[in-house]
Amino acid sequence: MQLINRCKEFRKLLASDCLMVPGCYNGLVARLAAQHGFRALYVSGGALTASSGVPDIGLRTMDEFCKVIKDVSTFSNLPVIADADTGFGEG
């Protein structure tokens, strides 16, 4: 599903229903959530850093966050809410 279609679908879902949106920190978890019937997903900066074994103090780069967000979106084919924090270890 194209990105613009996912955005439109997400807006429709929000307008018509109360959604349970599970947190996913990689593509595998996203695929499992999609297979279990969830209709949207959430990517948390805290979960991403914790799954990497580092503290949530801005050590992961923006490129790393974007890759995970893309993987979650691609492997699930669902709309994604992304909380990518602030400060990305770039300097």
N, C-alpha and C. Protein backbone atom coordinates (compact mmCIF):
# COMPACT_ATOMS: atom_id res chain seq x y z
N MET A 1 0.85 -1.17 0.00
CA MET A 1 0.00 0.00 0.00
C MET A 1 0.89 1.24 0.00
N GLN A 2 0.57 2.19 -0.84
CA GLN A 2 1.37 3.40 -0.92
C GLN A 2 1.20 4.23 0.35
N LEU A 3 2.23 5.05 0.63
CA LEU A 3 2.24 5.85 1.85
C LEU A 3 1.01 6.75 1.95
N ILE A 4 0.66 7.43 0.86
CA ILE A 4 -0.49 8.34 0.92
C ILE A 4 -1.78 7.58 1.23
N ASN A 5 -1.90 6.37 0.71
CA ASN A 5 -3.08 5.55 1.00
C ASN A 5 -3.10 5.12 2.46
N ARG A 6 -1.94 4.82 3.03
CA ARG A 6 -1.87 4.45 4.45
C ARG A 6 -2.31 5.62 5.32
N CYS A 7 -1.90 6.83 4.95
CA CYS A 7 -2.29 8.02 5.71
C CYS A 7 -3.79 8.21 5.65
N LYS A 8 -4.37 8.08 4.47
CA LYS A 8 -5.83 8.23 4.33
C LYS A 8 -6.56 7.15 5.12
N GLU A 9 -6.08 5.92 5.05
CA GLU A 9 -6.70 4.82 5.79
C GLU A 9 -6.62 5.07 7.29
N PHE A 10 -5.48 5.57 7.75
CA PHE A 10 -5.31 5.84 9.18
C PHE A 10 -6.28 6.92 9.65
N ARG A 11 -6.45 7.95 8.85
CA ARG A 11 -7.40 9.02 9.21
C ARG A 11 -8.82 8.46 9.30
N LYS A 12 -9.17 7.58 8.37
CA LYS A 12 -10.50 6.94 8.42
C LYS A 12 -10.66 6.10 9.68
N LEU A 13 -9.63 5.34 10.01
CA LEU A 13 -9.69 4.50 11.21
C LEU A 13 -9.87 5.35 12.46
N LEU A 14 -9.13 6.44 12.55
CA LEU A 14 -9.22 7.31 13.72
C LEU A 14 -10.60 7.96 13.84
N ALA A 15 -11.20 8.26 12.71
CA ALA A 15 -12.50 8.92 12.72
C ALA A 15 -13.64 7.96 13.05
N SER A 16 -13.43 6.68 12.82
CA SER A 16 -14.54 5.74 12.95
C SER A 16 -14.43 4.77 14.11
N ASP A 17 -13.28 4.71 14.75
CA ASP A 17 -13.09 3.62 15.71
C ASP A 17 -12.06 4.01 16.76
N CYS A 18 -12.10 3.32 17.89
CA CYS A 18 -11.07 3.43 18.90
C CYS A 18 -10.04 2.34 18.57
N LEU A 19 -8.80 2.73 18.39
CA LEU A 19 -7.77 1.78 17.95
C LEU A 19 -6.85 1.38 19.09
N MET A 20 -6.51 0.12 19.12
CA MET A 20 -5.43 -0.35 19.97
C MET A 20 -4.21 -0.42 19.06
N VAL A 21 -3.17 0.35 19.39
CA VAL A 21 -2.01 0.48 18.51
C VAL A 21 -0.78 -0.03 19.26
N PRO A 22 -0.32 -1.23 18.92
CA PRO A 22 0.82 -1.80 19.65
C PRO A 22 2.14 -1.15 19.24
N GLY A 23 3.07 -1.12 20.18
CA GLY A 23 4.41 -0.63 19.89
C GLY A 23 5.22 -1.71 19.20
N CYS A 24 5.93 -1.33 18.15
CA CYS A 24 6.77 -2.26 17.40
C CYS A 24 8.16 -1.65 17.25
N TYR A 25 9.18 -2.42 17.51
CA TYR A 25 10.54 -1.89 17.47
C TYR A 25 11.38 -2.48 16.35
N ASN A 26 10.77 -3.35 15.52
CA ASN A 26 11.45 -3.84 14.32
C ASN A 26 10.43 -4.44 13.35
N GLY A 27 10.89 -4.82 12.18
CA GLY A 27 10.00 -5.34 11.15
C GLY A 27 9.32 -6.64 11.53
N LEU A 28 10.01 -7.52 12.24
CA LEU A 28 9.43 -8.80 12.64
C LEU A 28 8.24 -8.60 13.58
N VAL A 29 8.43 -7.77 14.58
CA VAL A 29 7.34 -7.49 15.53
C VAL A 29 6.17 -6.83 14.79
N ALA A 30 6.48 -5.96 13.84
CA ALA A 30 5.43 -5.30 13.04
C ALA A 30 4.65 -6.32 12.22
N ARG A 31 5.34 -7.25 11.60
CA ARG A 31 4.67 -8.29 10.80
C ARG A 31 3.77 -9.14 11.69
N LEU A 32 4.25 -9.50 12.87
CA LEU A 32 3.44 -10.29 13.80
C LEU A 32 2.19 -9.52 14.24
N ALA A 33 2.35 -8.24 14.52
CA ALA A 33 1.20 -7.43 14.92
C ALA A 33 0.18 -7.36 13.80
N ALA A 34 0.64 -7.19 12.57
CA ALA A 34 -0.28 -7.14 11.42
C ALA A 34 -1.01 -8.48 11.26
N GLN A 35 -0.28 -9.58 11.42
CA GLN A 35 -0.88 -10.91 11.29
C GLN A 35 -1.92 -11.18 12.37
N HIS A 36 -1.80 -10.49 13.50
CA HIS A 36 -2.75 -10.68 14.59
C HIS A 36 -3.88 -9.66 14.57
N GLY A 37 -4.03 -8.95 13.46
CA GLY A 37 -5.21 -8.14 13.26
C GLY A 37 -5.14 -6.67 13.65
N PHE A 38 -4.00 -6.21 14.11
CA PHE A 38 -3.89 -4.79 14.43
C PHE A 38 -3.95 -3.98 13.13
N ARG A 39 -4.51 -2.78 13.21
CA ARG A 39 -4.72 -1.99 12.01
C ARG A 39 -3.82 -0.77 11.91
N ALA A 40 -3.00 -0.53 12.92
CA ALA A 40 -2.00 0.54 12.92
C ALA A 40 -0.95 0.19 13.97
N LEU A 41 0.23 0.79 13.84
CA LEU A 41 1.33 0.48 14.74
C LEU A 41 1.98 1.75 15.26
N TYR A 42 2.76 1.59 16.33
CA TYR A 42 3.44 2.70 16.98
C TYR A 42 4.92 2.36 17.12
N VAL A 43 5.78 3.28 16.75
CA VAL A 43 7.22 3.12 16.95
C VAL A 43 7.66 4.13 17.99
N SER A 44 8.23 3.64 19.08
CA SER A 44 8.65 4.49 20.19
C SER A 44 10.17 4.61 20.22
N GLY A 45 10.64 5.83 20.43
CA GLY A 45 12.08 6.04 20.57
C GLY A 45 12.66 5.27 21.74
N GLY A 46 11.92 5.23 22.84
CA GLY A 46 12.39 4.48 24.01
C GLY A 46 12.50 2.99 23.73
N ALA A 47 11.52 2.44 23.03
CA ALA A 47 11.56 1.01 22.70
C ALA A 47 12.70 0.69 21.73
N LEU A 48 12.93 1.59 20.78
CA LEU A 48 14.01 1.36 19.83
C LEU A 48 15.36 1.32 20.52
N THR A 49 15.60 2.26 21.42
CA THR A 49 16.88 2.26 22.11
C THR A 49 17.01 1.07 23.06
N ALA A 50 15.93 0.75 23.77
CA ALA A 50 15.98 -0.39 24.68
C ALA A 50 16.24 -1.70 23.93
N SER A 51 15.61 -1.85 22.76
CA SER A 51 15.81 -3.08 21.98
C SER A 51 17.24 -3.17 21.44
N SER A 52 17.93 -2.04 21.42
CA SER A 52 19.33 -2.02 20.97
C SER A 52 20.31 -2.19 22.12
N GLY A 53 19.77 -2.20 23.34
CA GLY A 53 20.63 -2.37 24.51
C GLY A 53 21.37 -1.11 24.93
N VAL A 54 20.86 0.05 24.53
CA VAL A 54 21.50 1.31 24.92
C VAL A 54 20.48 2.17 25.67
N PRO A 55 20.96 3.08 26.52
CA PRO A 55 20.03 3.95 27.24
C PRO A 55 19.37 4.96 26.30
N ASP A 56 18.22 5.45 26.70
CA ASP A 56 17.45 6.39 25.88
C ASP A 56 17.94 7.82 26.14
N ILE A 57 19.17 8.09 25.68
CA ILE A 57 19.77 9.41 25.90
C ILE A 57 20.31 10.00 24.59
N GLY A 58 19.70 9.64 23.49
CA GLY A 58 20.08 10.22 22.21
C GLY A 58 21.29 9.59 21.54
N LEU A 59 21.55 8.32 21.80
CA LEU A 59 22.71 7.66 21.20
C LEU A 59 22.45 7.13 19.80
N ARG A 60 21.21 6.79 19.49
CA ARG A 60 20.88 6.29 18.15
C ARG A 60 20.75 7.46 17.19
N THR A 61 21.14 7.26 15.94
CA THR A 61 21.10 8.33 14.95
C THR A 61 19.72 8.41 14.29
N MET A 62 19.46 9.54 13.66
CA MET A 62 18.20 9.70 12.95
C MET A 62 18.08 8.68 11.82
N ASP A 63 19.18 8.38 11.15
CA ASP A 63 19.15 7.37 10.08
C ASP A 63 18.72 6.01 10.62
N GLU A 64 19.20 5.66 11.81
CA GLU A 64 18.81 4.38 12.42
C GLU A 64 17.32 4.36 12.73
N PHE A 65 16.81 5.46 13.28
CA PHE A 65 15.38 5.54 13.57
C PHE A 65 14.57 5.42 12.29
N CYS A 66 14.98 6.15 11.26
CA CYS A 66 14.24 6.13 10.00
C CYS A 66 14.23 4.75 9.37
N LYS A 67 15.33 4.01 9.48
CA LYS A 67 15.38 2.66 8.93
C LYS A 67 14.38 1.76 9.65
N VAL A 68 14.33 1.84 10.95
CA VAL A 68 13.38 1.01 11.70
C VAL A 68 11.94 1.38 11.37
N ILE A 69 11.66 2.68 11.30
CA ILE A 69 10.31 3.13 10.96
C ILE A 69 9.92 2.63 9.58
N LYS A 70 10.84 2.70 8.62
CA LYS A 70 10.57 2.19 7.27
C LYS A 70 10.33 0.69 7.30
N ASP A 71 11.15 -0.05 8.04
CA ASP A 71 10.97 -1.51 8.14
C ASP A 71 9.61 -1.85 8.74
N VAL A 72 9.22 -1.16 9.80
CA VAL A 72 7.93 -1.42 10.44
C VAL A 72 6.79 -1.16 9.45
N SER A 73 6.89 -0.08 8.72
CA SER A 73 5.87 0.25 7.73
C SER A 73 5.84 -0.76 6.58
N THR A 74 7.01 -1.08 6.06
CA THR A 74 7.11 -1.97 4.91
C THR A 74 6.66 -3.39 5.23
N PHE A 75 7.13 -3.93 6.35
CA PHE A 75 6.84 -5.33 6.66
C PHE A 75 5.44 -5.55 7.18
N SER A 76 4.79 -4.50 7.67
CA SER A 76 3.43 -4.66 8.16
C SER A 76 2.38 -4.21 7.15
N ASN A 77 2.77 -3.28 6.26
CA ASN A 77 1.83 -2.67 5.31
C ASN A 77 0.70 -1.95 6.04
N LEU A 78 1.03 -1.38 7.21
CA LEU A 78 0.05 -0.67 8.04
C LEU A 78 0.51 0.77 8.28
N PRO A 79 -0.42 1.65 8.65
CA PRO A 79 -0.03 3.00 9.05
C PRO A 79 0.78 2.94 10.36
N VAL A 80 1.73 3.88 10.50
CA VAL A 80 2.62 3.89 11.65
C VAL A 80 2.66 5.28 12.28
N ILE A 81 2.50 5.32 13.60
CA ILE A 81 2.75 6.53 14.37
C ILE A 81 4.19 6.40 14.86
N ALA A 82 5.02 7.41 14.61
CA ALA A 82 6.42 7.34 14.99
C ALA A 82 6.77 8.45 15.97
N ASP A 83 7.22 8.06 17.15
CA ASP A 83 7.73 8.99 18.16
C ASP A 83 9.24 8.84 18.14
N ALA A 84 9.89 9.67 17.36
CA ALA A 84 11.33 9.50 17.15
C ALA A 84 12.18 10.38 18.04
N ASP A 85 11.60 10.90 19.13
CA ASP A 85 12.39 11.62 20.13
C ASP A 85 13.06 12.89 19.60
N THR A 86 14.05 13.31 20.37
CA THR A 86 14.88 14.46 20.01
C THR A 86 16.32 14.10 20.29
N GLY A 87 17.25 14.75 19.63
CA GLY A 87 18.66 14.49 19.87
C GLY A 87 19.06 13.14 19.37
N PHE A 88 19.87 13.08 18.34
CA PHE A 88 20.15 11.82 17.69
C PHE A 88 21.61 11.46 17.64
N GLY A 89 22.37 11.78 18.63
CA GLY A 89 23.75 11.33 18.69
C GLY A 89 24.64 11.81 17.55
N GLU A 90 24.17 12.75 16.76
CA GLU A 90 24.97 13.24 15.65
C GLU A 90 25.97 14.31 16.07
N GLY A 91 25.90 14.74 17.29
CA GLY A 91 26.86 15.75 17.64
C GLY A 91 26.50 16.48 18.81
